[in-house]
Amino acid sequence: MANINIRVDDEVKTQAQELFASLGLDMSTAMNIFLRQAIAFGGIPFMVRQSRYNAETEQAIFEAHNGINLSEPYNSVAELREALHAEN
């Protein structure tokens, strides 16, 4: 067995340990799972990207993708305008 030393913010380490413990894992087992998945995947096993939108927009995108808080369909612009004015 080999050892790997990594530097992590204290709060990140604590949160990760709590999460892994809730899954019945310790940090070493969780890191081994990550490394094995990276090998099997041939890269990082999840998308690494920077958020392009603020939190409100991200939430709206999530809701749209999951069919949450959608309005009724309208057959015309006039129906939409009528509905918008009725809400005020």
Protein backbone atom coordinates (compact mmCIF):
# COMPACT_ATOMS: atom_id res chain seq x y z
CA MET A 1 0.00 0.00 0.00
CA ALA A 2 1.16 3.52 -0.81
CA ASN A 3 0.44 6.73 1.08
CA ILE A 4 -0.70 9.98 -0.55
CA ASN A 5 -0.54 13.28 1.32
CA ILE A 6 -2.84 16.08 0.19
CA ARG A 7 -3.50 19.54 1.58
CA VAL A 8 -7.16 20.42 2.11
CA ASP A 9 -8.91 23.26 3.92
CA ASP A 10 -9.89 22.22 7.44
CA GLU A 11 -13.60 22.89 6.81
CA VAL A 12 -13.60 20.89 3.56
CA LYS A 13 -11.96 17.96 5.35
CA THR A 14 -14.48 18.08 8.20
CA GLN A 15 -17.47 18.26 5.84
CA ALA A 16 -16.10 15.43 3.70
CA GLN A 17 -15.45 13.23 6.75
CA GLU A 18 -19.00 13.83 7.99
CA LEU A 19 -20.46 13.01 4.59
CA PHE A 20 -18.39 9.87 4.15
CA ALA A 21 -19.17 8.72 7.71
CA SER A 22 -22.88 9.08 6.94
CA LEU A 23 -22.26 6.70 4.02
CA GLY A 24 -20.32 4.26 6.21
CA LEU A 25 -16.97 5.24 4.69
CA ASP A 26 -13.76 6.70 6.00
CA MET A 27 -11.66 9.22 4.09
CA SER A 28 -9.22 6.57 2.85
CA THR A 29 -11.97 4.36 1.44
CA ALA A 30 -13.71 7.34 -0.20
CA MET A 31 -10.47 8.49 -1.82
CA ASN A 32 -9.80 4.95 -3.07
CA ILE A 33 -13.29 4.88 -4.61
CA PHE A 34 -12.60 8.21 -6.32
CA LEU A 35 -9.24 7.04 -7.68
CA ARG A 36 -10.66 3.75 -8.95
CA GLN A 37 -13.54 5.57 -10.65
CA ALA A 38 -11.09 8.01 -12.27
CA ILE A 39 -9.10 5.07 -13.63
CA ALA A 40 -12.24 3.29 -14.89
CA PHE A 41 -13.60 6.51 -16.41
CA GLY A 42 -10.28 7.51 -17.95
CA GLY A 43 -10.38 10.94 -16.31
CA ILE A 44 -12.12 12.81 -13.56
CA PRO A 45 -15.40 10.93 -13.06
CA PHE A 46 -17.58 14.04 -12.98
CA MET A 47 -17.84 17.31 -14.86
CA VAL A 48 -15.47 20.00 -13.63
CA ARG A 49 -16.70 23.40 -14.62
CA GLN A 50 -17.15 26.88 -13.35
CA SER A 51 -20.70 28.06 -12.79
CA ARG A 52 -21.67 30.53 -15.50
CA TYR A 53 -24.79 31.82 -13.79
CA ASN A 54 -25.73 33.28 -10.42
CA ALA A 55 -27.56 31.14 -7.86
CA GLU A 56 -31.04 32.42 -8.87
CA THR A 57 -30.47 31.56 -12.52
CA GLU A 58 -28.97 28.17 -11.63
CA GLN A 59 -32.11 27.43 -9.57
CA ALA A 60 -34.38 28.47 -12.47
CA ILE A 61 -32.45 26.22 -14.86
CA PHE A 62 -32.72 23.32 -12.40
CA GLU A 63 -36.48 23.88 -12.02
CA ALA A 64 -37.00 24.07 -15.79
CA HIS A 65 -35.06 20.84 -16.38
CA ASN A 66 -37.07 19.10 -13.67
CA GLY A 67 -40.51 20.49 -14.55
CA ILE A 68 -40.84 22.47 -11.32
CA ASN A 69 -42.85 25.74 -11.10
CA LEU A 70 -43.74 25.80 -14.78
CA SER A 71 -46.67 27.89 -15.99
CA GLU A 72 -49.52 26.61 -18.10
CA PRO A 73 -49.08 26.61 -21.88
CA TYR A 74 -50.71 29.45 -23.80
CA ASN A 75 -52.18 29.33 -27.28
CA SER A 76 -51.51 32.97 -28.05
CA VAL A 77 -49.72 36.06 -26.82
CA ALA A 78 -53.12 37.48 -25.89
CA GLU A 79 -53.74 34.54 -23.50
CA LEU A 80 -50.32 35.06 -21.94
CA ARG A 81 -50.93 38.78 -21.47
CA GLU A 82 -54.33 38.08 -19.94
CA ALA A 83 -52.76 35.64 -17.47
CA LEU A 84 -49.99 38.08 -16.59
CA HIS A 85 -52.44 40.89 -15.91
CA ALA A 86 -54.65 38.58 -13.83
CA GLU A 87 -51.71 37.80 -11.51
CA ASN A 88 -51.18 41.48 -10.71
